[in-house]
Amino acid sequence: MNITIHNRMTGETTRRVTLGDQVRREALRRGGKWATQADQCARRAEAWYGRLPCKGEDLALVFGEVFRAE
C-alpha cells in the first residue's frame, strides 16, 4: 500500500515512500532469505511502527528490530 499525494494546483500525483518501502528495499539489498521475505518484513514494520518513513537512528532501530540485527 502506498501513500499518494494529489496536487490540486498542478493536477500532479506523486507517490511518497513509506516505512514499508524502506524496509522492503533493505531486505532486497541484504539478499538471501531476507529478499524472499521482503513483503512480510515490510508489513511487520508498518504494523509495529506505522507507515511514515524514518531516517537516521530511527531507521536503524526499525531495521534492528525487523531484521534482528544490530
C-alpha atoms as a PDB file:
ATOM      1  CA  MET A   1       0.000   0.000   0.000  1.00  0.00           C
ATOM      2  CA  ASN A   2       1.373   3.406  -0.965  1.00  0.00           C
ATOM      3  CA  ILE A   3       0.852   6.964   0.136  1.00  0.00           C
ATOM      4  CA  THR A   4      -0.297   9.021  -2.854  1.00  0.00           C
ATOM      5  CA  ILE A   5      -0.427  12.812  -2.832  1.00  0.00           C
ATOM      6  CA  HIS A   6      -2.537  14.739  -5.362  1.00  0.00           C
ATOM      7  CA  ASN A   7      -1.627  18.383  -6.013  1.00  0.00           C
ATOM      8  CA  ARG A   8      -4.827  20.310  -6.754  1.00  0.00           C
ATOM      9  CA  MET A   9      -2.931  23.250  -8.284  1.00  0.00           C
ATOM     10  CA  THR A  10      -0.936  21.279 -10.872  1.00  0.00           C
ATOM     11  CA  GLY A  11      -3.005  18.112 -11.072  1.00  0.00           C
ATOM     12  CA  GLU A  12       0.119  16.016 -10.495  1.00  0.00           C
ATOM     13  CA  THR A  13       0.028  12.856  -8.442  1.00  0.00           C
ATOM     14  CA  THR A  14       3.154  11.831  -6.555  1.00  0.00           C
ATOM     15  CA  ARG A  15       3.910   8.729  -4.546  1.00  0.00           C
ATOM     16  CA  ARG A  16       5.557   9.044  -1.150  1.00  0.00           C
ATOM     17  CA  VAL A  17       7.952   6.449   0.216  1.00  0.00           C
ATOM     18  CA  THR A  18       6.589   4.560   3.230  1.00  0.00           C
ATOM     19  CA  LEU A  19       8.412   2.793   6.037  1.00  0.00           C
ATOM     20  CA  GLY A  20       7.382  -0.480   4.390  1.00  0.00           C
ATOM     21  CA  ASP A  21       9.106   0.630   1.171  1.00  0.00           C
ATOM     22  CA  GLN A  22      12.291   1.390   3.107  1.00  0.00           C
ATOM     23  CA  VAL A  23      12.258  -1.984   4.853  1.00  0.00           C
ATOM     24  CA  ARG A  24      11.434  -3.824   1.608  1.00  0.00           C
ATOM     25  CA  ARG A  25      14.364  -2.123  -0.147  1.00  0.00           C
ATOM     26  CA  GLU A  26      16.726  -3.040   2.709  1.00  0.00           C
ATOM     27  CA  ALA A  27      15.546  -6.666   2.669  1.00  0.00           C
ATOM     28  CA  LEU A  28      16.237  -6.887  -1.058  1.00  0.00           C
ATOM     29  CA  ARG A  29      19.648  -5.273  -0.554  1.00  0.00           C
ATOM     30  CA  ARG A  30      20.535  -7.842   2.126  1.00  0.00           C
ATOM     31  CA  GLY A  31      19.522 -10.675  -0.193  1.00  0.00           C
ATOM     32  CA  GLY A  32      19.248 -14.339   0.737  1.00  0.00           C
ATOM     33  CA  LYS A  33      16.339 -15.248   2.987  1.00  0.00           C
ATOM     34  CA  TRP A  34      15.542 -11.560   3.564  1.00  0.00           C
ATOM     35  CA  ALA A  35      14.873 -10.963  -0.124  1.00  0.00           C
ATOM     36  CA  THR A  36      12.310 -13.758  -0.175  1.00  0.00           C
ATOM     37  CA  GLN A  37      10.605 -12.312   2.919  1.00  0.00           C
ATOM     38  CA  ALA A  38      10.757  -8.638   1.857  1.00  0.00           C
ATOM     39  CA  ASP A  39       6.985  -8.083   1.763  1.00  0.00           C
ATOM     40  CA  GLN A  40       6.468  -9.836   5.090  1.00  0.00           C
ATOM     41  CA  CYS A  41       9.187  -7.690   6.700  1.00  0.00           C
ATOM     42  CA  ALA A  42       7.593  -4.537   5.261  1.00  0.00           C
ATOM     43  CA  ARG A  43       4.163  -5.461   6.637  1.00  0.00           C
ATOM     44  CA  ARG A  44       5.664  -6.240  10.048  1.00  0.00           C
ATOM     45  CA  ALA A  45       7.479  -2.877  10.189  1.00  0.00           C
ATOM     46  CA  GLU A  46       4.329  -0.948   9.277  1.00  0.00           C
ATOM     47  CA  ALA A  47       2.271  -2.891  11.833  1.00  0.00           C
ATOM     48  CA  TRP A  48       4.787  -2.108  14.592  1.00  0.00           C
ATOM     49  CA  TYR A  49       5.840   1.443  13.705  1.00  0.00           C
ATOM     50  CA  GLY A  50       3.290   2.902  11.276  1.00  0.00           C
ATOM     51  CA  ARG A  51       3.690   3.967   7.669  1.00  0.00           C
ATOM     52  CA  LEU A  52       5.652   7.206   7.954  1.00  0.00           C
ATOM     53  CA  PRO A  53       9.227   6.902   6.660  1.00  0.00           C
ATOM     54  CA  CYS A  54      12.171   7.143   9.066  1.00  0.00           C
ATOM     55  CA  LYS A  55      15.790   8.144   8.797  1.00  0.00           C
ATOM     56  CA  GLY A  56      18.983   8.007  10.818  1.00  0.00           C
ATOM     57  CA  GLU A  57      18.876   6.342  14.211  1.00  0.00           C
ATOM     58  CA  ASP A  58      15.131   5.730  13.993  1.00  0.00           C
ATOM     59  CA  LEU A  59      15.532   3.767  10.766  1.00  0.00           C
ATOM     60  CA  ALA A  60      18.448   1.815  12.256  1.00  0.00           C
ATOM     61  CA  LEU A  61      16.215   0.903  15.203  1.00  0.00           C
ATOM     62  CA  VAL A  62      13.463  -0.340  12.877  1.00  0.00           C
ATOM     63  CA  PHE A  63      15.961  -2.384  10.850  1.00  0.00           C
ATOM     64  CA  GLY A  64      17.425  -3.807  14.060  1.00  0.00           C
ATOM     65  CA  GLU A  65      14.008  -4.995  15.210  1.00  0.00           C
ATOM     66  CA  VAL A  66      12.718  -6.254  11.874  1.00  0.00           C
ATOM     67  CA  PHE A  67      15.932  -8.000  10.833  1.00  0.00           C
ATOM     68  CA  ARG A  68      17.010  -8.933  14.383  1.00  0.00           C
ATOM     69  CA  ALA A  69      20.449  -7.421  13.760  1.00  0.00           C
ATOM     70  CA  GLU A  70      22.393  -4.603  15.406  1.00  0.00           C
END
